[in-house]
C-alpha atoms as a PDB file:
ATOM      1  CA  MET A   1      -0.469   0.102   0.259  1.00  0.00           C
ATOM      2  CA  PRO A   2       1.658   2.896  -0.959  1.00  0.00           C
ATOM      3  CA  ARG A   3       1.766   5.834   1.861  1.00  0.00           C
ATOM      4  CA  ILE A   4       0.746   9.652   1.277  1.00  0.00           C
ATOM      5  CA  GLU A   5       4.112  11.355   1.170  1.00  0.00           C
ATOM      6  CA  ASP A   6       5.325   8.185  -1.634  1.00  0.00           C
ATOM      7  CA  LEU A   7       2.565   9.554  -3.796  1.00  0.00           C
ATOM      8  CA  GLY A   8       3.469  13.171  -4.500  1.00  0.00           C
ATOM      9  CA  THR A   9       2.509  16.522  -3.726  1.00  0.00           C
ATOM     10  CA  PRO A  10      -1.318  16.622  -5.441  1.00  0.00           C
ATOM     11  CA  TYR A  11      -2.389  13.181  -2.547  1.00  0.00           C
ATOM     12  CA  GLU A  12      -0.833  15.608   0.164  1.00  0.00           C
ATOM     13  CA  VAL A  13      -2.171  19.147  -0.355  1.00  0.00           C
ATOM     14  CA  ALA A  14      -5.837  16.931  -1.016  1.00  0.00           C
ATOM     15  CA  PHE A  15      -5.038  15.128   2.036  1.00  0.00           C
ATOM     16  CA  ASN A  16      -4.624  18.352   4.202  1.00  0.00           C
ATOM     17  CA  ASP A  17      -7.460  19.961   2.910  1.00  0.00           C
ATOM     18  CA  VAL A  18      -9.638  17.278   4.103  1.00  0.00           C
ATOM     19  CA  ARG A  19      -7.874  17.644   7.561  1.00  0.00           C
ATOM     20  CA  ALA A  20      -9.077  21.371   7.110  1.00  0.00           C
ATOM     21  CA  LEU A  21     -12.573  19.730   7.425  1.00  0.00           C
ATOM     22  CA  VAL A  22     -12.553  18.182  10.865  1.00  0.00           C
ATOM     23  CA  ARG A  23      -9.499  20.201  12.506  1.00  0.00           C
ATOM     24  CA  PRO A  24     -11.072  23.046  13.968  1.00  0.00           C
ATOM     25  CA  ASP A  25     -13.402  20.510  16.203  1.00  0.00           C
ATOM     26  CA  GLY A  26      -9.955  19.159  17.364  1.00  0.00           C
ATOM     27  CA  ALA A  27     -10.635  15.941  14.689  1.00  0.00           C
ATOM     28  CA  ASP A  28      -8.103  14.986  12.525  1.00  0.00           C
ATOM     29  CA  PHE A  29      -8.049  11.526   9.697  1.00  0.00           C
ATOM     30  CA  GLU A  30      -5.199   9.237   9.763  1.00  0.00           C
ATOM     31  CA  VAL A  31      -4.952   7.372   5.680  1.00  0.00           C
ATOM     32  CA  VAL A  32      -5.927   3.672   6.613  1.00  0.00           C
ATOM     33  CA  GLU A  33      -5.449   2.816   2.636  1.00  0.00           C
ATOM     34  CA  ILE A  34      -5.055   4.294  -1.360  1.00  0.00           C
ATOM     35  CA  ASP A  35      -5.455   2.533  -4.187  1.00  0.00           C
ATOM     36  CA  THR A  36      -4.461   4.055  -7.167  1.00  0.00           C
ATOM     37  CA  GLU A  37      -6.253   1.432  -9.380  1.00  0.00           C
ATOM     38  CA  THR A  38      -9.521   2.054  -7.970  1.00  0.00           C
ATOM     39  CA  GLY A  39      -9.293   5.604  -6.801  1.00  0.00           C
ATOM     40  CA  THR A  40     -10.231   5.001  -3.624  1.00  0.00           C
ATOM     41  CA  VAL A  41      -9.402   6.290  -0.481  1.00  0.00           C
ATOM     42  CA  HIS A  42     -10.068   4.720   2.914  1.00  0.00           C
ATOM     43  CA  LEU A  43      -9.550   7.317   5.557  1.00  0.00           C
ATOM     44  CA  LYS A  44     -10.158   6.957   9.554  1.00  0.00           C
ATOM     45  CA  LEU A  45     -11.446  10.087  11.422  1.00  0.00           C
ATOM     46  CA  VAL A  46      -9.846  10.527  14.551  1.00  0.00           C
ATOM     47  CA  LEU A  47     -12.003  11.963  17.286  1.00  0.00           C
ATOM     48  CA  GLU A  48      -8.959  11.981  20.251  1.00  0.00           C
ATOM     49  CA  GLY A  49      -8.599  15.095  22.035  1.00  0.00           C
ATOM     50  CA  ALA A  50     -11.854  16.410  19.515  1.00  0.00           C
ATOM     51  CA  ASN A  51     -13.321  19.662  21.688  1.00  0.00           C
ATOM     52  CA  CYS A  52     -16.642  18.385  20.288  1.00  0.00           C
ATOM     53  CA  GLU A  53     -17.434  14.666  18.742  1.00  0.00           C
ATOM     54  CA  GLU A  54     -20.757  15.544  18.163  1.00  0.00           C
ATOM     55  CA  CYS A  55     -19.836  19.398  16.328  1.00  0.00           C
ATOM     56  CA  VAL A  56     -17.748  16.937  13.907  1.00  0.00           C
ATOM     57  CA  MET A  57     -20.071  16.497  10.396  1.00  0.00           C
ATOM     58  CA  PRO A  58     -22.088  13.186   9.941  1.00  0.00           C
ATOM     59  CA  VAL A  59     -19.982  10.466   7.810  1.00  0.00           C
ATOM     60  CA  ASP A  60     -21.905  10.113   4.915  1.00  0.00           C
ATOM     61  CA  ILE A  61     -21.500  14.053   4.512  1.00  0.00           C
ATOM     62  CA  LEU A  62     -17.537  14.531   5.449  1.00  0.00           C
ATOM     63  CA  GLN A  63     -17.310  11.186   2.837  1.00  0.00           C
ATOM     64  CA  ALA A  64     -19.315  13.320  -0.172  1.00  0.00           C
ATOM     65  CA  ILE A  65     -17.554  16.564   0.928  1.00  0.00           C
ATOM     66  CA  ALA A  66     -13.721  14.998   1.495  1.00  0.00           C
ATOM     67  CA  ARG A  67     -14.283  12.936  -2.060  1.00  0.00           C
ATOM     68  CA  ASP A  68     -14.818  16.125  -4.301  1.00  0.00           C
ATOM     69  CA  VAL A  69     -12.007  18.051  -2.055  1.00  0.00           C
ATOM     70  CA  MET A  70     -10.144  15.282  -2.560  1.00  0.00           C
ATOM     71  CA  SER A  71     -10.803  14.581  -6.181  1.00  0.00           C
ATOM     72  CA  ARG A  72     -10.310  18.317  -7.100  1.00  0.00           C
ATOM     73  CA  GLN A  73      -6.363  18.145  -6.628  1.00  0.00           C
ATOM     74  CA  VAL A  74      -5.897  14.246  -7.744  1.00  0.00           C
ATOM     75  CA  PRO A  75      -8.711  13.707 -10.676  1.00  0.00           C
ATOM     76  CA  SER A  76      -8.092  10.234 -10.303  1.00  0.00           C
ATOM     77  CA  ILE A  77      -9.752   9.721  -6.883  1.00  0.00           C
ATOM     78  CA  ARG A  78     -13.526   8.310  -7.156  1.00  0.00           C
ATOM     79  CA  ALA A  79     -14.391   7.514  -3.912  1.00  0.00           C
ATOM     80  CA  VAL A  80     -13.427   8.211  -0.576  1.00  0.00           C
ATOM     81  CA  THR A  81     -14.503   5.972   2.710  1.00  0.00           C
ATOM     82  CA  ILE A  82     -14.209   6.839   5.930  1.00  0.00           C
ATOM     83  CA  ASP A  83     -14.403   4.484   9.232  1.00  0.00           C
ATOM     84  CA  ASP A  84     -15.891   6.747  11.742  1.00  0.00           C
ATOM     85  CA  PRO A  85     -15.942   5.727  15.455  1.00  0.00           C
ATOM     86  CA  ARG A  86     -18.897   7.193  16.299  1.00  0.00           C
ATOM     87  CA  ALA A  87     -20.569   4.331  14.832  1.00  0.00           C
ATOM     88  CA  ASP A  88     -19.431   1.912  17.248  1.00  0.00           C
END
């Protein structure tokens, strides 16, 4: 599995743009997997240290926005999935 750093600047910019969506609430994202063949990015929402877990957008909205934001930098990204610990 490639690391985000190994894929180059457009991926890093895209990932940092997505992280900016949740950072104001103290949350963050981690990359779980990037499949460059299918254009799928799998992220994990990290809520440890979050100021307000319920203030972070619902996962379905986050996934749609993350896909849109990331595909602007990397047009080959077709899907973004997010593991949300609030779903446990």
